[in-house]
């Protein structure tokens, strides 16, 4: 299983953000402090395992503008089938 694309409609500081198409090669994420690297890591964990905590009141990734938190990832499975996982809090 691997990610083909990742989208954040609203997830913490990420707003209407979309990754470029992700291939099979290694992906390196670099950026300045407070640019969203850890937020992207937690977005991927949320796509795989769900929201933690699963409460709007205590989740640190509620969008800064108060919108509903939504993220999506397209995964390529071992048999080359694509599935889309969407999480909404």
Protein backbone atom coordinates (compact mmCIF):
# COMPACT_ATOMS: atom_id res chain seq x y z
CA UNK A 1 0.00 0.00 0.00
CA UNK A 2 1.20 3.51 -0.79
CA UNK A 3 -0.27 6.98 -1.05
CA UNK A 4 -0.99 8.35 -4.51
CA UNK A 5 -2.20 11.75 -3.29
CA UNK A 6 -3.08 13.57 -0.07
CA UNK A 7 -5.54 16.46 0.27
CA UNK A 8 -6.40 18.70 3.19
CA UNK A 9 -9.55 20.71 2.72
CA UNK A 10 -9.06 21.98 6.27
CA UNK A 11 -6.63 20.40 8.75
CA UNK A 12 -4.88 22.65 11.26
CA UNK A 13 -2.77 25.17 9.32
CA UNK A 14 -3.31 23.28 6.02
CA UNK A 15 -6.14 24.88 4.06
CA UNK A 16 -7.09 23.73 0.54
CA UNK A 17 -3.73 21.96 0.26
CA UNK A 18 -3.01 19.10 -2.12
CA UNK A 19 0.14 17.05 -2.64
CA UNK A 20 1.54 16.50 -6.10
CA UNK A 21 1.03 12.94 -7.40
CA UNK A 22 3.18 10.63 -5.27
CA UNK A 23 5.12 7.90 -7.02
CA UNK A 24 6.86 4.83 -5.67
CA UNK A 25 10.06 6.68 -4.84
CA UNK A 26 11.05 8.16 -1.49
CA UNK A 27 9.32 11.42 -0.52
CA UNK A 28 11.24 14.01 1.48
CA UNK A 29 9.40 16.81 3.28
CA UNK A 30 11.42 19.83 4.33
CA UNK A 31 10.50 23.35 5.36
CA UNK A 32 10.97 26.11 7.88
CA UNK A 33 9.82 25.86 11.48
CA UNK A 34 6.03 26.10 11.83
CA UNK A 35 5.49 25.44 8.11
CA UNK A 36 3.27 22.36 8.61
CA UNK A 37 5.65 19.36 8.42
CA UNK A 38 4.41 17.79 11.67
CA UNK A 39 0.84 18.67 10.73
CA UNK A 40 1.28 16.74 7.47
CA UNK A 41 2.65 13.77 9.42
CA UNK A 42 -0.40 13.85 11.73
CA UNK A 43 -2.73 14.20 8.72
CA UNK A 44 -1.29 10.95 7.32
CA UNK A 45 -1.72 9.24 10.71
CA UNK A 46 -5.33 10.51 10.84
CA UNK A 47 -6.03 9.08 7.39
CA UNK A 48 -4.65 5.68 8.42
CA UNK A 49 -5.97 5.41 11.99
CA UNK A 50 -8.74 8.00 12.44
CA UNK A 51 -9.04 11.13 14.55
CA UNK A 52 -7.27 11.24 17.90
CA UNK A 53 -8.78 12.64 19.98
CA UNK A 54 -12.10 12.18 18.20
CA UNK A 55 -13.63 15.26 19.80
CA UNK A 56 -13.94 18.63 18.08
CA UNK A 57 -13.44 20.37 21.42
CA UNK A 58 -10.06 18.78 22.18
CA UNK A 59 -8.55 17.97 18.76
CA UNK A 60 -5.51 20.16 17.99
CA UNK A 61 -6.11 20.05 14.23
CA UNK A 62 -9.42 21.85 14.10
CA UNK A 63 -8.84 24.43 11.35
CA UNK A 64 -7.71 27.80 12.62
CA UNK A 65 -10.64 29.54 10.91
CA UNK A 66 -13.20 27.31 12.69
CA UNK A 67 -14.25 25.33 9.59
CA UNK A 68 -14.98 21.61 9.68
CA UNK A 69 -11.81 19.48 9.64
CA UNK A 70 -11.64 17.37 6.45
CA UNK A 71 -8.79 15.40 4.86
CA UNK A 72 -8.53 12.79 2.13
CA UNK A 73 -5.97 10.38 0.76
CA UNK A 74 -5.90 8.21 -2.33
CA UNK A 75 -4.15 4.90 -1.68
CA UNK A 76 -2.83 2.34 -4.15
CA UNK A 77 -3.22 -1.18 -2.80
CA UNK A 78 -0.96 -4.15 -3.53
CA UNK A 79 -3.14 -5.29 -6.43
CA UNK A 80 -2.97 -1.79 -8.02
CA UNK A 81 -6.54 -0.93 -6.98
CA UNK A 82 -7.09 2.65 -5.85
CA UNK A 83 -9.19 3.52 -2.81
CA UNK A 84 -10.01 6.90 -1.32
CA UNK A 85 -10.05 7.41 2.44
CA UNK A 86 -11.78 10.53 3.73
CA UNK A 87 -11.89 11.72 7.34
CA UNK A 88 -14.28 14.40 8.61
CA UNK A 89 -14.50 15.61 12.20
